Amino acid sequence: MNIELKKDDEIRVRIFKALSDPTRIEIIRTLFKANKEMACGEVGEVCAVSKSNVSYHFRTLREAGLIIVRRDAQTKFTRIDKTTFHNYLPGFLETL
């Protein structure tokens, strides 16, 4: 198998594993509908997810390349990585 195809397949597996959880889909939906960067705590409040639980979900989504997280002092901000969705799941966000 072509090395590039194998790498792409590994990325797809991580993406689908990350999206196999309803809470993570809700996080993606929240970020997509907000159409802006949001504080991680704010996303957790909107999705009714505890701080420890939301950290776990953000890590899974980040490792799958679905979100981008940045830190500003004590606050973490996140947004959707639209490039990943465009390359691997075109049209997915619009179904939310």
N, C-alpha and C. Protein backbone atom coordinates (compact mmCIF):
# COMPACT_ATOMS: atom_id res chain seq x y z
N MET A 1 0.85 -1.18 0.00
CA MET A 1 0.00 0.00 0.00
C MET A 1 0.89 1.24 0.00
N ASN A 2 0.47 2.24 -0.71
CA ASN A 2 1.16 3.51 -0.78
C ASN A 2 1.28 4.11 0.63
N ILE A 3 2.45 4.63 0.96
CA ILE A 3 2.69 5.20 2.30
C ILE A 3 1.75 6.37 2.58
N GLU A 4 1.50 7.21 1.59
CA GLU A 4 0.59 8.34 1.78
C GLU A 4 -0.83 7.87 2.08
N LEU A 5 -1.29 6.84 1.36
CA LEU A 5 -2.63 6.31 1.61
C LEU A 5 -2.73 5.73 3.02
N LYS A 6 -1.68 5.04 3.44
CA LYS A 6 -1.68 4.45 4.78
C LYS A 6 -1.74 5.55 5.83
N LYS A 7 -0.98 6.62 5.64
CA LYS A 7 -0.99 7.74 6.57
C LYS A 7 -2.38 8.38 6.61
N ASP A 8 -2.99 8.59 5.44
CA ASP A 8 -4.34 9.15 5.38
C ASP A 8 -5.34 8.25 6.08
N ASP A 9 -5.21 6.94 5.91
CA ASP A 9 -6.12 6.01 6.56
C ASP A 9 -5.98 6.07 8.08
N GLU A 10 -4.76 6.24 8.57
CA GLU A 10 -4.55 6.36 10.02
C GLU A 10 -5.21 7.64 10.54
N ILE A 11 -5.12 8.71 9.77
CA ILE A 11 -5.79 9.96 10.15
C ILE A 11 -7.30 9.75 10.18
N ARG A 12 -7.83 9.08 9.17
CA ARG A 12 -9.28 8.82 9.12
C ARG A 12 -9.74 8.01 10.33
N VAL A 13 -8.96 7.01 10.72
CA VAL A 13 -9.31 6.19 11.88
C VAL A 13 -9.40 7.08 13.13
N ARG A 14 -8.41 7.94 13.34
CA ARG A 14 -8.43 8.84 14.51
C ARG A 14 -9.65 9.76 14.46
N ILE A 15 -9.96 10.28 13.28
CA ILE A 15 -11.11 11.17 13.12
C ILE A 15 -12.40 10.45 13.48
N PHE A 16 -12.60 9.26 12.91
CA PHE A 16 -13.85 8.55 13.17
C PHE A 16 -13.96 8.08 14.61
N LYS A 17 -12.85 7.72 15.23
CA LYS A 17 -12.88 7.37 16.65
C LYS A 17 -13.28 8.59 17.47
N ALA A 18 -12.71 9.74 17.13
CA ALA A 18 -13.03 10.96 17.87
C ALA A 18 -14.50 11.35 17.71
N LEU A 19 -15.04 11.13 16.53
CA LEU A 19 -16.44 11.51 16.28
C LEU A 19 -17.44 10.43 16.67
N SER A 20 -16.96 9.34 17.24
CA SER A 20 -17.88 8.25 17.62
C SER A 20 -18.55 8.50 18.97
N ASP A 21 -18.30 9.65 19.56
CA ASP A 21 -18.87 9.98 20.86
C ASP A 21 -19.84 11.15 20.72
N PRO A 22 -21.07 11.02 21.22
CA PRO A 22 -22.06 12.10 21.08
C PRO A 22 -21.62 13.43 21.71
N THR A 23 -20.89 13.37 22.81
CA THR A 23 -20.42 14.60 23.45
C THR A 23 -19.45 15.34 22.55
N ARG A 24 -18.57 14.62 21.89
CA ARG A 24 -17.61 15.27 21.00
C ARG A 24 -18.30 15.84 19.77
N ILE A 25 -19.32 15.17 19.29
CA ILE A 25 -20.09 15.73 18.17
C ILE A 25 -20.77 17.02 18.63
N GLU A 26 -21.29 17.03 19.84
CA GLU A 26 -21.93 18.24 20.38
C GLU A 26 -20.91 19.38 20.51
N ILE A 27 -19.69 19.06 20.92
CA ILE A 27 -18.64 20.08 21.00
C ILE A 27 -18.35 20.65 19.62
N ILE A 28 -18.21 19.78 18.63
CA ILE A 28 -17.96 20.24 17.25
C ILE A 28 -19.12 21.09 16.77
N ARG A 29 -20.35 20.65 17.04
CA ARG A 29 -21.54 21.41 16.63
C ARG A 29 -21.53 22.80 17.27
N THR A 30 -21.22 22.86 18.55
CA THR A 30 -21.18 24.14 19.27
C THR A 30 -20.16 25.08 18.65
N LEU A 31 -18.96 24.57 18.39
CA LEU A 31 -17.91 25.39 17.79
C LEU A 31 -18.29 25.83 16.38
N PHE A 32 -18.89 24.93 15.62
CA PHE A 32 -19.27 25.26 14.24
C PHE A 32 -20.35 26.34 14.23
N LYS A 33 -21.36 26.20 15.07
CA LYS A 33 -22.45 27.18 15.08
C LYS A 33 -21.99 28.52 15.63
N ALA A 34 -21.04 28.51 16.56
CA ALA A 34 -20.51 29.77 17.09
C ALA A 34 -19.72 30.50 16.02
N ASN A 35 -19.08 29.74 15.13
CA ASN A 35 -18.29 30.30 14.03
C ASN A 35 -17.21 31.27 14.52
N LYS A 36 -16.64 30.93 15.68
CA LYS A 36 -15.57 31.74 16.25
C LYS A 36 -14.82 30.89 17.27
N GLU A 37 -13.69 31.40 17.68
CA GLU A 37 -12.93 30.77 18.74
C GLU A 37 -13.69 30.94 20.05
N MET A 38 -13.69 29.89 20.87
CA MET A 38 -14.39 29.95 22.15
C MET A 38 -13.47 29.47 23.26
N ALA A 39 -13.65 30.02 24.46
CA ALA A 39 -12.93 29.52 25.62
C ALA A 39 -13.39 28.09 25.89
N CYS A 40 -12.47 27.23 26.26
CA CYS A 40 -12.81 25.82 26.49
C CYS A 40 -13.88 25.70 27.58
N GLY A 41 -13.76 26.50 28.63
CA GLY A 41 -14.76 26.46 29.70
C GLY A 41 -16.14 26.84 29.21
N GLU A 42 -16.19 27.79 28.30
CA GLU A 42 -17.46 28.23 27.71
C GLU A 42 -18.10 27.08 26.92
N VAL A 43 -17.30 26.37 26.17
CA VAL A 43 -17.82 25.23 25.40
C VAL A 43 -18.35 24.17 26.36
N GLY A 44 -17.60 23.91 27.42
CA GLY A 44 -18.04 22.94 28.42
C GLY A 44 -19.36 23.31 29.04
N GLU A 45 -19.55 24.61 29.34
CA GLU A 45 -20.82 25.06 29.91
C GLU A 45 -21.97 24.88 28.93
N VAL A 46 -21.75 25.27 27.69
CA VAL A 46 -22.80 25.15 26.67
C VAL A 46 -23.21 23.69 26.48
N CYS A 47 -22.21 22.79 26.51
CA CYS A 47 -22.47 21.36 26.28
C CYS A 47 -22.77 20.61 27.58
N ALA A 48 -22.78 21.31 28.71
CA ALA A 48 -23.05 20.71 30.03
C ALA A 48 -22.10 19.55 30.32
N VAL A 49 -20.79 19.83 30.16
CA VAL A 49 -19.76 18.83 30.40
C VAL A 49 -18.82 19.38 31.48
N SER A 50 -18.47 18.54 32.46
CA SER A 50 -17.59 18.97 33.53
C SER A 50 -16.20 19.33 32.99
N LYS A 51 -15.44 20.11 33.78
CA LYS A 51 -14.11 20.54 33.33
C LYS A 51 -13.19 19.36 33.05
N SER A 52 -13.16 18.38 33.92
CA SER A 52 -12.27 17.24 33.70
C SER A 52 -12.70 16.43 32.47
N ASN A 53 -13.99 16.29 32.29
CA ASN A 53 -14.50 15.55 31.13
C ASN A 53 -14.26 16.30 29.83
N VAL A 54 -14.45 17.61 29.86
CA VAL A 54 -14.27 18.39 28.64
C VAL A 54 -12.80 18.38 28.22
N SER A 55 -11.88 18.38 29.18
CA SER A 55 -10.45 18.31 28.85
C SER A 55 -10.13 17.03 28.09
N TYR A 56 -10.71 15.93 28.54
CA TYR A 56 -10.51 14.64 27.88
C TYR A 56 -11.03 14.70 26.44
N HIS A 57 -12.23 15.25 26.26
CA HIS A 57 -12.82 15.32 24.93
C HIS A 57 -12.02 16.26 24.01
N PHE A 58 -11.55 17.39 24.56
CA PHE A 58 -10.75 18.31 23.75
C PHE A 58 -9.44 17.65 23.32
N ARG A 59 -8.82 16.89 24.20
CA ARG A 59 -7.57 16.22 23.84
C ARG A 59 -7.81 15.23 22.70
N THR A 60 -8.89 14.47 22.79
CA THR A 60 -9.21 13.50 21.74
C THR A 60 -9.46 14.20 20.41
N LEU A 61 -10.22 15.28 20.43
CA LEU A 61 -10.51 16.03 19.21
C LEU A 61 -9.25 16.69 18.65
N ARG A 62 -8.41 17.21 19.52
CA ARG A 62 -7.15 17.84 19.08
C ARG A 62 -6.22 16.82 18.45
N GLU A 63 -6.09 15.66 19.09
CA GLU A 63 -5.20 14.62 18.56
C GLU A 63 -5.69 14.09 17.22
N ALA A 64 -6.99 14.18 16.98
CA ALA A 64 -7.55 13.76 15.69
C ALA A 64 -7.44 14.88 14.64
N GLY A 65 -6.98 16.06 15.06
CA GLY A 65 -6.82 17.17 14.14
C GLY A 65 -8.10 17.91 13.84
N LEU A 66 -9.13 17.72 14.68
CA LEU A 66 -10.43 18.34 14.41
C LEU A 66 -10.58 19.72 15.02
N ILE A 67 -9.79 20.02 16.05
CA ILE A 67 -9.82 21.34 16.66
C ILE A 67 -8.40 21.84 16.86
N ILE A 68 -8.30 23.14 17.02
CA ILE A 68 -7.04 23.79 17.34
C ILE A 68 -7.23 24.46 18.70
N VAL A 69 -6.30 24.23 19.61
CA VAL A 69 -6.39 24.81 20.95
C VAL A 69 -5.18 25.72 21.15
N ARG A 70 -5.44 26.90 21.70
CA ARG A 70 -4.34 27.80 22.04
C ARG A 70 -4.55 28.29 23.46
N ARG A 71 -3.45 28.59 24.11
CA ARG A 71 -3.50 29.06 25.50
C ARG A 71 -3.17 30.54 25.53
N ASP A 72 -3.95 31.27 26.33
CA ASP A 72 -3.67 32.69 26.59
C ASP A 72 -3.74 32.85 28.11
N ALA A 73 -2.57 32.91 28.73
CA ALA A 73 -2.44 32.95 30.20
C ALA A 73 -3.07 31.68 30.78
N GLN A 74 -4.11 31.83 31.59
CA GLN A 74 -4.74 30.67 32.23
C GLN A 74 -5.87 30.07 31.39
N THR A 75 -6.24 30.73 30.33
CA THR A 75 -7.40 30.31 29.54
C THR A 75 -6.98 29.62 28.26
N LYS A 76 -7.68 28.52 27.95
CA LYS A 76 -7.48 27.84 26.67
C LYS A 76 -8.65 28.20 25.77
N PHE A 77 -8.33 28.46 24.52
CA PHE A 77 -9.33 28.76 23.51
C PHE A 77 -9.27 27.70 22.43
N THR A 78 -10.41 27.42 21.85
CA THR A 78 -10.45 26.40 20.80
C THR A 78 -11.32 26.84 19.63
N ARG A 79 -11.01 26.25 18.50
CA ARG A 79 -11.80 26.47 17.28
C ARG A 79 -11.68 25.22 16.41
N ILE A 80 -12.57 25.11 15.48
CA ILE A 80 -12.56 23.98 14.55
C ILE A 80 -11.39 24.13 13.59
N ASP A 81 -10.74 23.02 13.27
CA ASP A 81 -9.72 23.01 12.22
C ASP A 81 -10.44 22.67 10.92
N LYS A 82 -10.86 23.70 10.23
CA LYS A 82 -11.66 23.51 9.02
C LYS A 82 -10.90 22.78 7.92
N THR A 83 -9.57 22.89 7.93
CA THR A 83 -8.77 22.21 6.92
C THR A 83 -8.97 20.70 7.02
N THR A 84 -8.94 20.18 8.22
CA THR A 84 -9.14 18.73 8.41
C THR A 84 -10.51 18.31 7.92
N PHE A 85 -11.53 19.07 8.29
CA PHE A 85 -12.88 18.72 7.84
C PHE A 85 -12.97 18.81 6.32
N HIS A 86 -12.38 19.84 5.74
CA HIS A 86 -12.42 20.00 4.28
C HIS A 86 -11.71 18.83 3.58
N ASN A 87 -10.56 18.41 4.12
CA ASN A 87 -9.78 17.36 3.47
C ASN A 87 -10.35 15.96 3.68
N TYR A 88 -10.90 15.69 4.85
CA TYR A 88 -11.29 14.32 5.17
C TYR A 88 -12.79 14.11 5.33
N LEU A 89 -13.54 15.18 5.62
CA LEU A 89 -14.99 15.06 5.81
C LEU A 89 -15.73 16.22 5.13
N PRO A 90 -15.51 16.39 3.83
CA PRO A 90 -16.16 17.52 3.17
C PRO A 90 -17.68 17.45 3.31
N GLY A 91 -18.27 18.56 3.69
CA GLY A 91 -19.74 18.65 3.85
C GLY A 91 -20.23 18.23 5.21
N PHE A 92 -19.39 17.64 6.06
CA PHE A 92 -19.84 17.14 7.37
C PHE A 92 -20.36 18.26 8.25
N LEU A 93 -19.63 19.35 8.35
CA LEU A 93 -20.03 20.43 9.26
C LEU A 93 -21.39 20.98 8.90
N GLU A 94 -21.69 21.05 7.62
CA GLU A 94 -22.98 21.61 7.20
C GLU A 94 -24.15 20.71 7.59
N THR A 95 -23.89 19.46 7.95
CA THR A 95 -24.97 18.55 8.36
C THR A 95 -25.34 18.73 9.83
N LEU A 96 -24.55 19.52 10.55
CA LEU A 96 -24.79 19.71 11.97
C LEU A 96 -25.89 20.71 12.18
